[in-house]
PDB file of N, CA and C in Angstrom:
ATOM      1  N   MET A   1       0.839  -1.181   0.000  1.00  0.00           N
ATOM      2  CA  MET A   1       0.000   0.000   0.000  1.00  0.00           C
ATOM      3  C   MET A   1       0.882   1.242   0.000  1.00  0.00           C
ATOM      4  N   LYS A   2       0.445   2.226  -0.699  1.00  0.00           N
ATOM      5  CA  LYS A   2       1.203   3.475  -0.807  1.00  0.00           C
ATOM      6  C   LYS A   2       0.538   4.578   0.010  1.00  0.00           C
ATOM      7  N   PRO A   3       1.339   5.535   0.489  1.00  0.00           N
ATOM      8  CA  PRO A   3       0.757   6.665   1.209  1.00  0.00           C
ATOM      9  C   PRO A   3       0.042   7.606   0.244  1.00  0.00           C
ATOM     10  N   LYS A   4      -1.121   8.040   0.649  1.00  0.00           N
ATOM     11  CA  LYS A   4      -1.900   9.006  -0.133  1.00  0.00           C
ATOM     12  C   LYS A   4      -2.256  10.162   0.785  1.00  0.00           C
ATOM     13  N   LEU A   5      -2.105  11.360   0.296  1.00  0.00           N
ATOM     14  CA  LEU A   5      -2.388  12.553   1.086  1.00  0.00           C
ATOM     15  C   LEU A   5      -3.837  12.984   0.899  1.00  0.00           C
ATOM     16  N   VAL A   6      -4.515  13.221   2.003  1.00  0.00           N
ATOM     17  CA  VAL A   6      -5.856  13.801   1.986  1.00  0.00           C
ATOM     18  C   VAL A   6      -5.637  15.293   2.232  1.00  0.00           C
ATOM     19  N   GLU A   7      -5.553  16.056   1.158  1.00  0.00           N
ATOM     20  CA  GLU A   7      -5.118  17.450   1.235  1.00  0.00           C
ATOM     21  C   GLU A   7      -5.965  18.312   2.151  1.00  0.00           C
ATOM     22  N   ARG A   8      -7.238  18.060   2.225  1.00  0.00           N
ATOM     23  CA  ARG A   8      -8.108  18.899   3.068  1.00  0.00           C
ATOM     24  C   ARG A   8      -7.778  18.749   4.552  1.00  0.00           C
ATOM     25  N   ARG A   9      -7.108  17.673   4.926  1.00  0.00           N
ATOM     26  CA  ARG A   9      -6.721  17.458   6.321  1.00  0.00           C
ATOM     27  C   ARG A   9      -5.290  17.906   6.614  1.00  0.00           C
ATOM     28  N   CYS A  10      -4.525  18.201   5.592  1.00  0.00           N
ATOM     29  CA  CYS A  10      -3.092  18.466   5.753  1.00  0.00           C
ATOM     30  C   CYS A  10      -2.801  19.943   6.012  1.00  0.00           C
ATOM     31  N   PRO A  11      -2.186  20.249   7.159  1.00  0.00           N
ATOM     32  CA  PRO A  11      -1.813  21.630   7.430  1.00  0.00           C
ATOM     33  C   PRO A  11      -0.560  22.064   6.673  1.00  0.00           C
ATOM     34  N   ALA A  12       0.188  21.120   6.132  1.00  0.00           N
ATOM     35  CA  ALA A  12       1.369  21.386   5.297  1.00  0.00           C
ATOM     36  C   ALA A  12       2.301  22.439   5.892  1.00  0.00           C
ATOM     37  N   GLN A  13       2.712  22.217   7.091  1.00  0.00           N
ATOM     38  CA  GLN A  13       3.671  23.101   7.752  1.00  0.00           C
ATOM     39  C   GLN A  13       5.000  22.356   7.870  1.00  0.00           C
ATOM     40  N   LYS A  14       5.976  22.783   7.119  1.00  0.00           N
ATOM     41  CA  LYS A  14       7.257  22.072   7.048  1.00  0.00           C
ATOM     42  C   LYS A  14       7.886  21.854   8.426  1.00  0.00           C
ATOM     43  N   ASP A  15       7.882  22.853   9.262  1.00  0.00           N
ATOM     44  CA  ASP A  15       8.540  22.750  10.560  1.00  0.00           C
ATOM     45  C   ASP A  15       7.746  21.932  11.575  1.00  0.00           C
ATOM     46  N   LEU A  16       6.465  21.700  11.333  1.00  0.00           N
ATOM     47  CA  LEU A  16       5.617  20.961  12.267  1.00  0.00           C
ATOM     48  C   LEU A  16       5.312  19.538  11.823  1.00  0.00           C
ATOM     49  N   CYS A  17       5.545  19.219  10.579  1.00  0.00           N
ATOM     50  CA  CYS A  17       5.148  17.934  10.009  1.00  0.00           C
ATOM     51  C   CYS A  17       6.035  16.797  10.533  1.00  0.00           C
ATOM     52  N   LYS A  18       5.449  15.947  11.367  1.00  0.00           N
ATOM     53  CA  LYS A  18       6.172  14.809  11.921  1.00  0.00           C
ATOM     54  C   LYS A  18       6.394  13.718  10.872  1.00  0.00           C
ATOM     55  N   ALA A  19       5.547  13.664   9.873  1.00  0.00           N
ATOM     56  CA  ALA A  19       5.664  12.645   8.828  1.00  0.00           C
ATOM     57  C   ALA A  19       6.963  12.796   8.039  1.00  0.00           C
ATOM     58  N   LEU A  20       7.401  14.033   7.824  1.00  0.00           N
ATOM     59  CA  LEU A  20       8.646  14.265   7.090  1.00  0.00           C
ATOM     60  C   LEU A  20       9.847  13.644   7.795  1.00  0.00           C
ATOM     61  N   GLN A  21       9.895  13.768   9.108  1.00  0.00           N
ATOM     62  CA  GLN A  21      10.999  13.218   9.878  1.00  0.00           C
ATOM     63  C   GLN A  21      10.860  11.720  10.110  1.00  0.00           C
ATOM     64  N   ALA A  22       9.645  11.189  10.027  1.00  0.00           N
ATOM     65  CA  ALA A  22       9.405   9.770  10.306  1.00  0.00           C
ATOM     66  C   ALA A  22       9.850   8.854   9.173  1.00  0.00           C
ATOM     67  N   CYS A  23       9.960   9.389   7.985  1.00  0.00           N
ATOM     68  CA  CYS A  23      10.322   8.570   6.826  1.00  0.00           C
ATOM     69  C   CYS A  23      11.791   8.165   6.899  1.00  0.00           C
ATOM     70  N   PRO A  24      12.084   6.861   6.801  1.00  0.00           N
ATOM     71  CA  PRO A  24      13.472   6.407   6.862  1.00  0.00           C
ATOM     72  C   PRO A  24      14.243   6.575   5.550  1.00  0.00           C
ATOM     73  N   VAL A  25      13.546   6.942   4.477  1.00  0.00           N
ATOM     74  CA  VAL A  25      14.187   7.060   3.164  1.00  0.00           C
ATOM     75  C   VAL A  25      14.228   8.529   2.746  1.00  0.00           C
ATOM     76  N   GLU A  26      15.429   9.063   2.659  1.00  0.00           N
ATOM     77  CA  GLU A  26      15.581  10.469   2.283  1.00  0.00           C
ATOM     78  C   GLU A  26      14.981  10.726   0.903  1.00  0.00           C
ATOM     79  N   GLY A  27      14.120  11.742   0.844  1.00  0.00           N
ATOM     80  CA  GLY A  27      13.520  12.152  -0.417  1.00  0.00           C
ATOM     81  C   GLY A  27      12.244  11.426  -0.801  1.00  0.00           C
ATOM     82  N   ALA A  28      11.789  10.471   0.011  1.00  0.00           N
ATOM     83  CA  ALA A  28      10.563   9.762  -0.330  1.00  0.00           C
ATOM     84  C   ALA A  28       9.326  10.612  -0.033  1.00  0.00           C
ATOM     85  N   ILE A  29       9.425  11.484   0.965  1.00  0.00           N
ATOM     86  CA  ILE A  29       8.353  12.428   1.282  1.00  0.00           C
ATOM     87  C   ILE A  29       9.014  13.787   1.500  1.00  0.00           C
ATOM     88  N   THR A  30       8.498  14.790   0.819  1.00  0.00           N
ATOM     89  CA  THR A  30       9.101  16.117   0.910  1.00  0.00           C
ATOM     90  C   THR A  30       8.028  17.201   0.975  1.00  0.00           C
ATOM     91  N   TYR A  31       8.459  18.342   1.427  1.00  0.00           N
ATOM     92  CA  TYR A  31       7.630  19.544   1.465  1.00  0.00           C
ATOM     93  C   TYR A  31       8.106  20.440   0.339  1.00  0.00           C
ATOM     94  N   VAL A  32       7.169  20.975  -0.423  1.00  0.00           N
ATOM     95  CA  VAL A  32       7.522  21.929  -1.473  1.00  0.00           C
ATOM     96  C   VAL A  32       6.708  23.199  -1.286  1.00  0.00           C
ATOM     97  N   THR A  33       7.336  24.311  -1.510  1.00  0.00           N
ATOM     98  CA  THR A  33       6.651  25.601  -1.461  1.00  0.00           C
ATOM     99  C   THR A  33       5.724  25.694  -2.665  1.00  0.00           C
ATOM    100  N   ASP A  34       4.491  26.085  -2.407  1.00  0.00           N
ATOM    101  CA  ASP A  34       3.494  26.223  -3.465  1.00  0.00           C
ATOM    102  C   ASP A  34       2.591  27.385  -3.079  1.00  0.00           C
ATOM    103  N   GLU A  35       2.803  28.522  -3.697  1.00  0.00           N
ATOM    104  CA  GLU A  35       2.058  29.714  -3.333  1.00  0.00           C
ATOM    105  C   GLU A  35       0.565  29.593  -3.598  1.00  0.00           C
ATOM    106  N   GLU A  36       0.167  28.631  -4.409  1.00  0.00           N
ATOM    107  CA  GLU A  36      -1.256  28.437  -4.678  1.00  0.00           C
ATOM    108  C   GLU A  36      -1.914  27.521  -3.646  1.00  0.00           C
ATOM    109  N   ALA A  37      -1.117  26.846  -2.826  1.00  0.00           N
ATOM    110  CA  ALA A  37      -1.668  26.003  -1.762  1.00  0.00           C
ATOM    111  C   ALA A  37      -2.171  26.909  -0.641  1.00  0.00           C
ATOM    112  N   PRO A  38      -3.199  26.488   0.078  1.00  0.00           N
ATOM    113  CA  PRO A  38      -3.786  27.338   1.118  1.00  0.00           C
ATOM    114  C   PRO A  38      -2.789  27.866   2.156  1.00  0.00           C
ATOM    115  N   LEU A  39      -1.811  27.058   2.554  1.00  0.00           N
ATOM    116  CA  LEU A  39      -0.846  27.496   3.560  1.00  0.00           C
ATOM    117  C   LEU A  39       0.547  27.736   2.985  1.00  0.00           C
ATOM    118  N   GLY A  40       0.638  27.821   1.667  1.00  0.00           N
ATOM    119  CA  GLY A  40       1.907  28.160   1.034  1.00  0.00           C
ATOM    120  C   GLY A  40       2.831  26.996   0.737  1.00  0.00           C
ATOM    121  N   GLY A  41       2.372  25.771   0.944  1.00  0.00           N
ATOM    122  CA  GLY A  41       3.198  24.612   0.636  1.00  0.00           C
ATOM    123  C   GLY A  41       2.373  23.348   0.634  1.00  0.00           C
ATOM    124  N   ARG A  42       3.017  22.259   0.201  1.00  0.00           N
ATOM    125  CA  ARG A  42       2.325  20.977   0.172  1.00  0.00           C
ATOM    126  C   ARG A  42       3.325  19.842   0.349  1.00  0.00           C
ATOM    127  N   ILE A  43       2.808  18.691   0.695  1.00  0.00           N
ATOM    128  CA  ILE A  43       3.592  17.490   0.888  1.00  0.00           C
ATOM    129  C   ILE A  43       3.466  16.642  -0.372  1.00  0.00           C
ATOM    130  N   ILE A  44       4.609  16.114  -0.854  1.00  0.00           N
ATOM    131  CA  ILE A  44       4.558  15.220  -2.014  1.00  0.00           C
ATOM    132  C   ILE A  44       5.340  13.947  -1.709  1.00  0.00           C
ATOM    133  N   PHE A  45       4.970  12.876  -2.388  1.00  0.00           N
ATOM    134  CA  PHE A  45       5.618  11.585  -2.233  1.00  0.00           C
ATOM    135  C   PHE A  45       6.356  11.222  -3.507  1.00  0.00           C
ATOM    136  N   ASP A  46       7.531  10.632  -3.361  1.00  0.00           N
ATOM    137  CA  ASP A  46       8.264  10.063  -4.486  1.00  0.00           C
ATOM    138  C   ASP A  46       8.080   8.549  -4.364  1.00  0.00           C
ATOM    139  N   TYR A  47       7.143   8.002  -5.116  1.00  0.00           N
ATOM    140  CA  TYR A  47       6.803   6.594  -4.991  1.00  0.00           C
ATOM    141  C   TYR A  47       7.924   5.669  -5.464  1.00  0.00           C
ATOM    142  N   ASP A  48       8.864   6.185  -6.239  1.00  0.00           N
ATOM    143  CA  ASP A  48      10.017   5.366  -6.633  1.00  0.00           C
ATOM    144  C   ASP A  48      10.942   5.131  -5.445  1.00  0.00           C
ATOM    145  N   ARG A  49      10.958   6.036  -4.491  1.00  0.00           N
ATOM    146  CA  ARG A  49      11.796   5.906  -3.299  1.00  0.00           C
ATOM    147  C   ARG A  49      11.044   5.301  -2.109  1.00  0.00           C
ATOM    148  N   CYS A  50       9.738   5.454  -2.090  1.00  0.00           N
ATOM    149  CA  CYS A  50       8.918   5.006  -0.964  1.00  0.00           C
ATOM    150  C   CYS A  50       8.991   3.488  -0.800  1.00  0.00           C
ATOM    151  N   THR A  51       9.207   3.037   0.451  1.00  0.00           N
ATOM    152  CA  THR A  51       9.243   1.609   0.755  1.00  0.00           C
ATOM    153  C   THR A  51       7.914   1.103   1.311  1.00  0.00           C
ATOM    154  N   GLU A  52       6.918   1.988   1.383  1.00  0.00           N
ATOM    155  CA  GLU A  52       5.579   1.657   1.867  1.00  0.00           C
ATOM    156  C   GLU A  52       5.589   1.173   3.320  1.00  0.00           C
ATOM    157  N   CYS A  53       6.481   1.741   4.132  1.00  0.00           N
ATOM    158  CA  CYS A  53       6.609   1.321   5.531  1.00  0.00           C
ATOM    159  C   CYS A  53       5.457   1.808   6.402  1.00  0.00           C
ATOM    160  N   GLY A  54       4.820   2.923   6.024  1.00  0.00           N
ATOM    161  CA  GLY A  54       3.692   3.447   6.780  1.00  0.00           C
ATOM    162  C   GLY A  54       4.065   4.381   7.915  1.00  0.00           C
ATOM    163  N   ASN A  55       5.360   4.644   8.113  1.00  0.00           N
ATOM    164  CA  ASN A  55       5.783   5.547   9.191  1.00  0.00           C
ATOM    165  C   ASN A  55       5.174   6.932   9.036  1.00  0.00           C
ATOM    166  N   CYS A  56       5.089   7.430   7.830  1.00  0.00           N
ATOM    167  CA  CYS A  56       4.547   8.772   7.608  1.00  0.00           C
ATOM    168  C   CYS A  56       3.084   8.837   8.038  1.00  0.00           C
ATOM    169  N   ALA A  57       2.305   7.811   7.695  1.00  0.00           N
ATOM    170  CA  ALA A  57       0.890   7.780   8.073  1.00  0.00           C
ATOM    171  C   ALA A  57       0.727   7.668   9.585  1.00  0.00           C
ATOM    172  N   ALA A  58       1.576   6.887  10.212  1.00  0.00           N
ATOM    173  CA  ALA A  58       1.491   6.703  11.664  1.00  0.00           C
ATOM    174  C   ALA A  58       1.821   7.984  12.417  1.00  0.00           C
ATOM    175  N   GLU A  59       2.730   8.783  11.888  1.00  0.00           N
ATOM    176  CA  GLU A  59       3.184   9.994  12.577  1.00  0.00           C
ATOM    177  C   GLU A  59       2.464  11.270  12.158  1.00  0.00           C
ATOM    178  N   CYS A  60       1.669  11.218  11.117  1.00  0.00           N
ATOM    179  CA  CYS A  60       0.990  12.408  10.616  1.00  0.00           C
ATOM    180  C   CYS A  60       0.041  12.961  11.688  1.00  0.00           C
ATOM    181  N   CYS A  61       0.296  14.179  12.132  1.00  0.00           N
ATOM    182  CA  CYS A  61      -0.471  14.769  13.235  1.00  0.00           C
ATOM    183  C   CYS A  61      -1.899  15.132  12.826  1.00  0.00           C
ATOM    184  N   GLY A  62      -2.174  15.258  11.555  1.00  0.00           N
ATOM    185  CA  GLY A  62      -3.513  15.604  11.097  1.00  0.00           C
ATOM    186  C   GLY A  62      -4.280  14.439  10.509  1.00  0.00           C
ATOM    187  N   SER A  63      -3.720  13.237  10.609  1.00  0.00           N
ATOM    188  CA  SER A  63      -4.315  12.045   9.982  1.00  0.00           C
ATOM    189  C   SER A  63      -4.590  12.300   8.505  1.00  0.00           C
ATOM    190  N   ALA A  64      -3.692  13.038   7.885  1.00  0.00           N
ATOM    191  CA  ALA A  64      -3.872  13.412   6.478  1.00  0.00           C
ATOM    192  C   ALA A  64      -3.233  12.417   5.518  1.00  0.00           C
ATOM    193  N   ILE A  65      -2.460  11.470   6.028  1.00  0.00           N
ATOM    194  CA  ILE A  65      -1.828  10.468   5.172  1.00  0.00           C
ATOM    195  C   ILE A  65      -2.487   9.122   5.458  1.00  0.00           C
ATOM    196  N   GLU A  66      -2.983   8.516   4.392  1.00  0.00           N
ATOM    197  CA  GLU A  66      -3.612   7.204   4.503  1.00  0.00           C
ATOM    198  C   GLU A  66      -2.840   6.230   3.625  1.00  0.00           C
ATOM    199  N   MET A  67      -2.719   5.001   4.095  1.00  0.00           N
ATOM    200  CA  MET A  67      -2.086   3.959   3.296  1.00  0.00           C
ATOM    201  C   MET A  67      -3.181   3.281   2.481  1.00  0.00           C
ATOM    202  N   ARG A  68      -3.046   3.340   1.157  1.00  0.00           N
ATOM    203  CA  ARG A  68      -4.053   2.730   0.270  1.00  0.00           C
ATOM    204  C   ARG A  68      -3.351   1.854  -0.742  1.00  0.00           C
TER     205      ARG A  68
END
């Protein structure tokens, strides 16, 4: 199962996002600045790097990441 972001639940705050630090694979989950996003940024997944461990979903403070 791969992580999927439920954007309406995601606060997308780079400094507060526990999911970013929970991922054991560098670059599999990242924050990107996006001025069109409601809070100025968004979370993206690199599925080629993702090992589907589920750490990001377990640590997501907004329950915005679901494993599907």
